[in-house]
Amino acid sequence: MKDLFNSIQDLCESILFVPFHELRELELTNWWGANIVTWVFIGIGVIAFVYWMLQLKSFSDNNEEDKSISSHSFL
């Protein structure tokens, strides 16, 4: 059982965490490069938000939304 846990530890330390170690070393020389993953996710989030707002505006402009008071029972 101990060999299983040691092999999992070896897998994580020697293979799976290598990109994170490289990013940690890159941060000492280039902060922007080390945070590129964060910037990519922020960009994806901004693009998705703009797309969502444009879709909401197009549905609002076409009057496709049911805005009657009886649309929900709790209203």
PDB file of N, CA and C in Angstrom:
ATOM      1  N   MET A   1       0.828  -1.193   0.000  1.00  0.00           N
ATOM      2  CA  MET A   1       0.000   0.000   0.000  1.00  0.00           C
ATOM      3  C   MET A   1       0.873   1.258   0.000  1.00  0.00           C
ATOM      4  N   LYS A   2       1.998   1.154   0.713  1.00  0.00           N
ATOM      5  CA  LYS A   2       2.899   2.299   0.771  1.00  0.00           C
ATOM      6  C   LYS A   2       3.498   2.591  -0.605  1.00  0.00           C
ATOM      7  N   ASP A   3       3.756   1.545  -1.382  1.00  0.00           N
ATOM      8  CA  ASP A   3       4.298   1.724  -2.733  1.00  0.00           C
ATOM      9  C   ASP A   3       3.309   2.455  -3.639  1.00  0.00           C
ATOM     10  N   LEU A   4       2.032   2.200  -3.451  1.00  0.00           N
ATOM     11  CA  LEU A   4       1.008   2.875  -4.243  1.00  0.00           C
ATOM     12  C   LEU A   4       1.051   4.383  -3.989  1.00  0.00           C
ATOM     13  N   PHE A   5       1.085   4.779  -2.732  1.00  0.00           N
ATOM     14  CA  PHE A   5       1.123   6.192  -2.407  1.00  0.00           C
ATOM     15  C   PHE A   5       2.431   6.849  -2.849  1.00  0.00           C
ATOM     16  N   ASN A   6       3.525   6.125  -2.740  1.00  0.00           N
ATOM     17  CA  ASN A   6       4.801   6.661  -3.213  1.00  0.00           C
ATOM     18  C   ASN A   6       4.808   6.830  -4.726  1.00  0.00           C
ATOM     19  N   SER A   7       4.160   5.930  -5.435  1.00  0.00           N
ATOM     20  CA  SER A   7       4.096   6.073  -6.893  1.00  0.00           C
ATOM     21  C   SER A   7       3.197   7.240  -7.295  1.00  0.00           C
ATOM     22  N   ILE A   8       2.128   7.451  -6.566  1.00  0.00           N
ATOM     23  CA  ILE A   8       1.278   8.619  -6.821  1.00  0.00           C
ATOM     24  C   ILE A   8       2.058   9.900  -6.562  1.00  0.00           C
ATOM     25  N   GLN A   9       2.822   9.936  -5.485  1.00  0.00           N
ATOM     26  CA  GLN A   9       3.640  11.097  -5.173  1.00  0.00           C
ATOM     27  C   GLN A   9       4.675  11.335  -6.265  1.00  0.00           C
ATOM     28  N   ASP A  10       5.320  10.306  -6.711  1.00  0.00           N
ATOM     29  CA  ASP A  10       6.330  10.437  -7.755  1.00  0.00           C
ATOM     30  C   ASP A  10       5.702  10.921  -9.062  1.00  0.00           C
ATOM     31  N   LEU A  11       4.530  10.402  -9.410  1.00  0.00           N
ATOM     32  CA  LEU A  11       3.834  10.842 -10.618  1.00  0.00           C
ATOM     33  C   LEU A  11       3.528  12.332 -10.549  1.00  0.00           C
ATOM     34  N   CYS A  12       2.994  12.778  -9.422  1.00  0.00           N
ATOM     35  CA  CYS A  12       2.632  14.188  -9.287  1.00  0.00           C
ATOM     36  C   CYS A  12       3.858  15.091  -9.304  1.00  0.00           C
ATOM     37  N   GLU A  13       4.876  14.740  -8.563  1.00  0.00           N
ATOM     38  CA  GLU A  13       6.044  15.613  -8.441  1.00  0.00           C
ATOM     39  C   GLU A  13       6.905  15.645  -9.694  1.00  0.00           C
ATOM     40  N   SER A  14       7.037  14.520 -10.366  1.00  0.00           N
ATOM     41  CA  SER A  14       7.960  14.481 -11.498  1.00  0.00           C
ATOM     42  C   SER A  14       7.299  14.713 -12.848  1.00  0.00           C
ATOM     43  N   ILE A  15       5.984  14.550 -12.947  1.00  0.00           N
ATOM     44  CA  ILE A  15       5.337  14.703 -14.256  1.00  0.00           C
ATOM     45  C   ILE A  15       4.258  15.777 -14.240  1.00  0.00           C
ATOM     46  N   LEU A  16       3.288  15.649 -13.346  1.00  0.00           N
ATOM     47  CA  LEU A  16       2.110  16.518 -13.402  1.00  0.00           C
ATOM     48  C   LEU A  16       2.380  17.952 -12.946  1.00  0.00           C
ATOM     49  N   PHE A  17       3.310  18.152 -12.030  1.00  0.00           N
ATOM     50  CA  PHE A  17       3.571  19.491 -11.505  1.00  0.00           C
ATOM     51  C   PHE A  17       4.676  20.226 -12.242  1.00  0.00           C
ATOM     52  N   VAL A  18       5.250  19.646 -13.268  1.00  0.00           N
ATOM     53  CA  VAL A  18       6.336  20.290 -14.011  1.00  0.00           C
ATOM     54  C   VAL A  18       5.909  21.629 -14.600  1.00  0.00           C
ATOM     55  N   PRO A  19       4.726  21.738 -15.235  1.00  0.00           N
ATOM     56  CA  PRO A  19       4.344  23.062 -15.759  1.00  0.00           C
ATOM     57  C   PRO A  19       4.213  24.124 -14.667  1.00  0.00           C
ATOM     58  N   PHE A  20       3.749  23.728 -13.488  1.00  0.00           N
ATOM     59  CA  PHE A  20       3.622  24.693 -12.403  1.00  0.00           C
ATOM     60  C   PHE A  20       4.980  25.134 -11.879  1.00  0.00           C
ATOM     61  N   HIS A  21       5.939  24.234 -11.853  1.00  0.00           N
ATOM     62  CA  HIS A  21       7.297  24.612 -11.441  1.00  0.00           C
ATOM     63  C   HIS A  21       7.912  25.574 -12.455  1.00  0.00           C
ATOM     64  N   GLU A  22       7.660  25.319 -13.728  1.00  0.00           N
ATOM     65  CA  GLU A  22       8.170  26.221 -14.766  1.00  0.00           C
ATOM     66  C   GLU A  22       7.540  27.605 -14.654  1.00  0.00           C
ATOM     67  N   LEU A  23       6.248  27.662 -14.391  1.00  0.00           N
ATOM     68  CA  LEU A  23       5.589  28.966 -14.217  1.00  0.00           C
ATOM     69  C   LEU A  23       6.113  29.689 -12.981  1.00  0.00           C
ATOM     70  N   ARG A  24       6.406  28.944 -11.929  1.00  0.00           N
ATOM     71  CA  ARG A  24       6.954  29.557 -10.717  1.00  0.00           C
ATOM     72  C   ARG A  24       8.320  30.170 -10.979  1.00  0.00           C
ATOM     73  N   GLU A  25       9.148  29.484 -11.769  1.00  0.00           N
ATOM     74  CA  GLU A  25      10.467  30.022 -12.095  1.00  0.00           C
ATOM     75  C   GLU A  25      10.364  31.187 -13.068  1.00  0.00           C
ATOM     76  N   LEU A  26       9.380  31.152 -13.953  1.00  0.00           N
ATOM     77  CA  LEU A  26       9.187  32.234 -14.922  1.00  0.00           C
ATOM     78  C   LEU A  26       8.739  33.517 -14.237  1.00  0.00           C
ATOM     79  N   GLU A  27       8.026  33.387 -13.118  1.00  0.00           N
ATOM     80  CA  GLU A  27       7.525  34.570 -12.422  1.00  0.00           C
ATOM     81  C   GLU A  27       8.654  35.477 -11.941  1.00  0.00           C
ATOM     82  N   LEU A  28       9.807  34.916 -11.659  1.00  0.00           N
ATOM     83  CA  LEU A  28      10.922  35.724 -11.187  1.00  0.00           C
ATOM     84  C   LEU A  28      11.455  36.653 -12.268  1.00  0.00           C
ATOM     85  N   THR A  29      11.260  36.294 -13.530  1.00  0.00           N
ATOM     86  CA  THR A  29      11.763  37.126 -14.624  1.00  0.00           C
ATOM     87  C   THR A  29      10.660  37.851 -15.377  1.00  0.00           C
ATOM     88  N   ASN A  30       9.478  37.245 -15.497  1.00  0.00           N
ATOM     89  CA  ASN A  30       8.421  37.843 -16.299  1.00  0.00           C
ATOM     90  C   ASN A  30       7.074  37.555 -15.646  1.00  0.00           C
ATOM     91  N   TRP A  31       6.507  38.569 -14.976  1.00  0.00           N
ATOM     92  CA  TRP A  31       5.241  38.397 -14.279  1.00  0.00           C
ATOM     93  C   TRP A  31       4.100  38.145 -15.251  1.00  0.00           C
ATOM     94  N   TRP A  32       4.076  38.854 -16.369  1.00  0.00           N
ATOM     95  CA  TRP A  32       2.993  38.703 -17.346  1.00  0.00           C
ATOM     96  C   TRP A  32       2.991  37.308 -17.942  1.00  0.00           C
ATOM     97  N   GLY A  33       4.136  36.782 -18.236  1.00  0.00           N
ATOM     98  CA  GLY A  33       4.216  35.442 -18.805  1.00  0.00           C
ATOM     99  C   GLY A  33       3.784  34.371 -17.816  1.00  0.00           C
ATOM    100  N   ALA A  34       4.107  34.559 -16.551  1.00  0.00           N
ATOM    101  CA  ALA A  34       3.744  33.572 -15.539  1.00  0.00           C
ATOM    102  C   ALA A  34       2.240  33.544 -15.297  1.00  0.00           C
ATOM    103  N   ASN A  35       1.558  34.635 -15.573  1.00  0.00           N
ATOM    104  CA  ASN A  35       0.118  34.709 -15.348  1.00  0.00           C
ATOM    105  C   ASN A  35      -0.684  34.621 -16.639  1.00  0.00           C
ATOM    106  N   ILE A  36      -0.106  34.037 -17.675  1.00  0.00           N
ATOM    107  CA  ILE A  36      -0.769  33.950 -18.966  1.00  0.00           C
ATOM    108  C   ILE A  36      -2.051  33.122 -18.885  1.00  0.00           C
ATOM    109  N   VAL A  37      -2.067  32.079 -18.065  1.00  0.00           N
ATOM    110  CA  VAL A  37      -3.271  31.260 -17.931  1.00  0.00           C
ATOM    111  C   VAL A  37      -4.408  32.089 -17.358  1.00  0.00           C
ATOM    112  N   THR A  38      -4.101  32.919 -16.383  1.00  0.00           N
ATOM    113  CA  THR A  38      -5.112  33.786 -15.801  1.00  0.00           C
ATOM    114  C   THR A  38      -5.650  34.755 -16.836  1.00  0.00           C
ATOM    115  N   TRP A  39      -4.763  35.339 -17.633  1.00  0.00           N
ATOM    116  CA  TRP A  39      -5.209  36.293 -18.656  1.00  0.00           C
ATOM    117  C   TRP A  39      -6.062  35.615 -19.716  1.00  0.00           C
ATOM    118  N   VAL A  40      -5.745  34.389 -20.063  1.00  0.00           N
ATOM    119  CA  VAL A  40      -6.553  33.651 -21.045  1.00  0.00           C
ATOM    120  C   VAL A  40      -7.964  33.418 -20.505  1.00  0.00           C
ATOM    121  N   PHE A  41      -8.075  33.001 -19.247  1.00  0.00           N
ATOM    122  CA  PHE A  41      -9.399  32.773 -18.669  1.00  0.00           C
ATOM    123  C   PHE A  41     -10.180  34.070 -18.504  1.00  0.00           C
ATOM    124  N   ILE A  42      -9.508  35.160 -18.170  1.00  0.00           N
ATOM    125  CA  ILE A  42     -10.196  36.454 -18.093  1.00  0.00           C
ATOM    126  C   ILE A  42     -10.708  36.857 -19.466  1.00  0.00           C
ATOM    127  N   GLY A  43      -9.907  36.643 -20.510  1.00  0.00           N
ATOM    128  CA  GLY A  43     -10.335  36.958 -21.874  1.00  0.00           C
ATOM    129  C   GLY A  43     -11.542  36.127 -22.295  1.00  0.00           C
ATOM    130  N   ILE A  44     -11.518  34.833 -21.991  1.00  0.00           N
ATOM    131  CA  ILE A  44     -12.654  33.977 -22.315  1.00  0.00           C
ATOM    132  C   ILE A  44     -13.903  34.443 -21.577  1.00  0.00           C
ATOM    133  N   GLY A  45     -13.760  34.820 -20.318  1.00  0.00           N
ATOM    134  CA  GLY A  45     -14.896  35.310 -19.540  1.00  0.00           C
ATOM    135  C   GLY A  45     -15.475  36.597 -20.104  1.00  0.00           C
ATOM    136  N   VAL A  46     -14.612  37.513 -20.519  1.00  0.00           N
ATOM    137  CA  VAL A  46     -15.084  38.780 -21.099  1.00  0.00           C
ATOM    138  C   VAL A  46     -15.805  38.530 -22.416  1.00  0.00           C
ATOM    139  N   ILE A  47     -15.262  37.669 -23.256  1.00  0.00           N
ATOM    140  CA  ILE A  47     -15.900  37.355 -24.535  1.00  0.00           C
ATOM    141  C   ILE A  47     -17.268  36.696 -24.307  1.00  0.00           C
ATOM    142  N   ALA A  48     -17.348  35.776 -23.364  1.00  0.00           N
ATOM    143  CA  ALA A  48     -18.625  35.117 -23.064  1.00  0.00           C
ATOM    144  C   ALA A  48     -19.642  36.111 -22.517  1.00  0.00           C
ATOM    145  N   PHE A  49     -19.194  37.042 -21.672  1.00  0.00           N
ATOM    146  CA  PHE A  49     -20.102  38.043 -21.104  1.00  0.00           C
ATOM    147  C   PHE A  49     -20.646  38.962 -22.186  1.00  0.00           C
ATOM    148  N   VAL A  50     -19.796  39.409 -23.092  1.00  0.00           N
ATOM    149  CA  VAL A  50     -20.243  40.282 -24.182  1.00  0.00           C
ATOM    150  C   VAL A  50     -21.227  39.540 -25.080  1.00  0.00           C
ATOM    151  N   TYR A  51     -20.933  38.282 -25.405  1.00  0.00           N
ATOM    152  CA  TYR A  51     -21.843  37.482 -26.225  1.00  0.00           C
ATOM    153  C   TYR A  51     -23.195  37.337 -25.544  1.00  0.00           C
ATOM    154  N   TRP A  52     -23.196  37.065 -24.244  1.00  0.00           N
ATOM    155  CA  TRP A  52     -24.422  36.893 -23.486  1.00  0.00           C
ATOM    156  C   TRP A  52     -25.237  38.186 -23.489  1.00  0.00           C
ATOM    157  N   MET A  53     -24.594  39.315 -23.277  1.00  0.00           N
ATOM    158  CA  MET A  53     -25.309  40.590 -23.277  1.00  0.00           C
ATOM    159  C   MET A  53     -25.888  40.912 -24.652  1.00  0.00           C
ATOM    160  N   LEU A  54     -25.162  40.600 -25.711  1.00  0.00           N
ATOM    161  CA  LEU A  54     -25.683  40.833 -27.059  1.00  0.00           C
ATOM    162  C   LEU A  54     -26.894  39.942 -27.348  1.00  0.00           C
ATOM    163  N   GLN A  55     -26.849  38.699 -26.882  1.00  0.00           N
ATOM    164  CA  GLN A  55     -28.003  37.818 -27.058  1.00  0.00           C
ATOM    165  C   GLN A  55     -29.211  38.328 -26.276  1.00  0.00           C
ATOM    166  N   LEU A  56     -29.004  38.794 -25.052  1.00  0.00           N
ATOM    167  CA  LEU A  56     -30.111  39.350 -24.276  1.00  0.00           C
ATOM    168  C   LEU A  56     -30.701  40.574 -24.950  1.00  0.00           C
ATOM    169  N   LYS A  57     -29.851  41.420 -25.527  1.00  0.00           N
ATOM    170  CA  LYS A  57     -30.332  42.609 -26.218  1.00  0.00           C
ATOM    171  C   LYS A  57     -31.126  42.235 -27.455  1.00  0.00           C
ATOM    172  N   SER A  58     -30.670  41.213 -28.195  1.00  0.00           N
ATOM    173  CA  SER A  58     -31.407  40.818 -29.404  1.00  0.00           C
ATOM    174  C   SER A  58     -32.780  40.251 -29.044  1.00  0.00           C
ATOM    175  N   PHE A  59     -32.894  39.470 -27.958  1.00  0.00           N
ATOM    176  CA  PHE A  59     -34.194  38.969 -27.538  1.00  0.00           C
ATOM    177  C   PHE A  59     -35.085  40.107 -27.034  1.00  0.00           C
ATOM    178  N   SER A  60     -34.493  41.077 -26.371  1.00  0.00           N
ATOM    179  CA  SER A  60     -35.269  42.216 -25.889  1.00  0.00           C
ATOM    180  C   SER A  60     -35.757  43.081 -27.051  1.00  0.00           C
ATOM    181  N   ASP A  61     -34.925  43.270 -28.067  1.00  0.00           N
ATOM    182  CA  ASP A  61     -35.324  44.069 -29.229  1.00  0.00           C
ATOM    183  C   ASP A  61     -36.429  43.394 -30.036  1.00  0.00           C
ATOM    184  N   ASN A  62     -36.476  42.065 -30.058  1.00  0.00           N
ATOM    185  CA  ASN A  62     -37.499  41.330 -30.815  1.00  0.00           C
ATOM    186  C   ASN A  62     -38.781  41.123 -30.020  1.00  0.00           C
ATOM    187  N   ASN A  63     -38.827  41.609 -28.788  1.00  0.00           N
ATOM    188  CA  ASN A  63     -39.981  41.451 -27.886  1.00  0.00           C
ATOM    189  C   ASN A  63     -40.368  39.979 -27.734  1.00  0.00           C
ATOM    190  N   GLU A  64     -39.383  39.114 -27.623  1.00  0.00           N
ATOM    191  CA  GLU A  64     -39.638  37.684 -27.452  1.00  0.00           C
ATOM    192  C   GLU A  64     -39.818  37.292 -25.997  1.00  0.00           C
ATOM    193  N   GLU A  65     -39.509  38.189 -25.091  1.00  0.00           N
ATOM    194  CA  GLU A  65     -39.607  37.870 -23.674  1.00  0.00           C
ATOM    195  C   GLU A  65     -41.008  38.128 -23.172  1.00  0.00           C
ATOM    196  N   ASP A  66     -41.539  37.203 -22.370  1.00  0.00           N
ATOM    197  CA  ASP A  66     -42.863  37.371 -21.773  1.00  0.00           C
ATOM    198  C   ASP A  66     -42.711  38.230 -20.525  1.00  0.00           C
ATOM    199  N   LYS A  67     -43.143  39.477 -20.614  1.00  0.00           N
ATOM    200  CA  LYS A  67     -42.973  40.417 -19.495  1.00  0.00           C
ATOM    201  C   LYS A  67     -44.285  40.632 -18.752  1.00  0.00           C
ATOM    202  N   SER A  68     -45.282  39.766 -18.970  1.00  0.00           N
ATOM    203  CA  SER A  68     -46.541  39.923 -18.272  1.00  0.00           C
ATOM    204  C   SER A  68     -46.360  39.568 -16.786  1.00  0.00           C
ATOM    205  N   ILE A  69     -47.229  40.125 -15.980  1.00  0.00           N
ATOM    206  CA  ILE A  69     -47.132  39.918 -14.538  1.00  0.00           C
ATOM    207  C   ILE A  69     -47.447  38.481 -14.176  1.00  0.00           C
ATOM    208  N   SER A  70     -48.280  37.832 -14.964  1.00  0.00           N
ATOM    209  CA  SER A  70     -48.666  36.455 -14.660  1.00  0.00           C
ATOM    210  C   SER A  70     -47.669  35.426 -15.201  1.00  0.00           C
ATOM    211  N   SER A  71     -46.509  35.860 -15.642  1.00  0.00           N
ATOM    212  CA  SER A  71     -45.553  34.906 -16.193  1.00  0.00           C
ATOM    213  C   SER A  71     -44.992  33.960 -15.125  1.00  0.00           C
ATOM    214  N   HIS A  72     -44.954  34.431 -13.875  1.00  0.00           N
ATOM    215  CA  HIS A  72     -44.520  33.571 -12.756  1.00  0.00           C
ATOM    216  C   HIS A  72     -45.575  33.623 -11.681  1.00  0.00           C
ATOM    217  N   SER A  73     -45.787  32.516 -11.057  1.00  0.00           N
ATOM    218  CA  SER A  73     -46.844  32.457 -10.043  1.00  0.00           C
ATOM    219  C   SER A  73     -46.490  33.267  -8.803  1.00  0.00           C
ATOM    220  N   PHE A  74     -45.210  33.419  -8.493  1.00  0.00           N
ATOM    221  CA  PHE A  74     -44.834  34.156  -7.294  1.00  0.00           C
ATOM    222  C   PHE A  74     -44.915  35.661  -7.484  1.00  0.00           C
ATOM    223  N   LEU A  75     -45.119  36.143  -8.722  1.00  0.00           N
ATOM    224  CA  LEU A  75     -45.303  37.574  -8.941  1.00  0.00           C
ATOM    225  C   LEU A  75     -46.768  37.889  -8.824  1.00  0.00           C
TER     226      LEU A  75
END
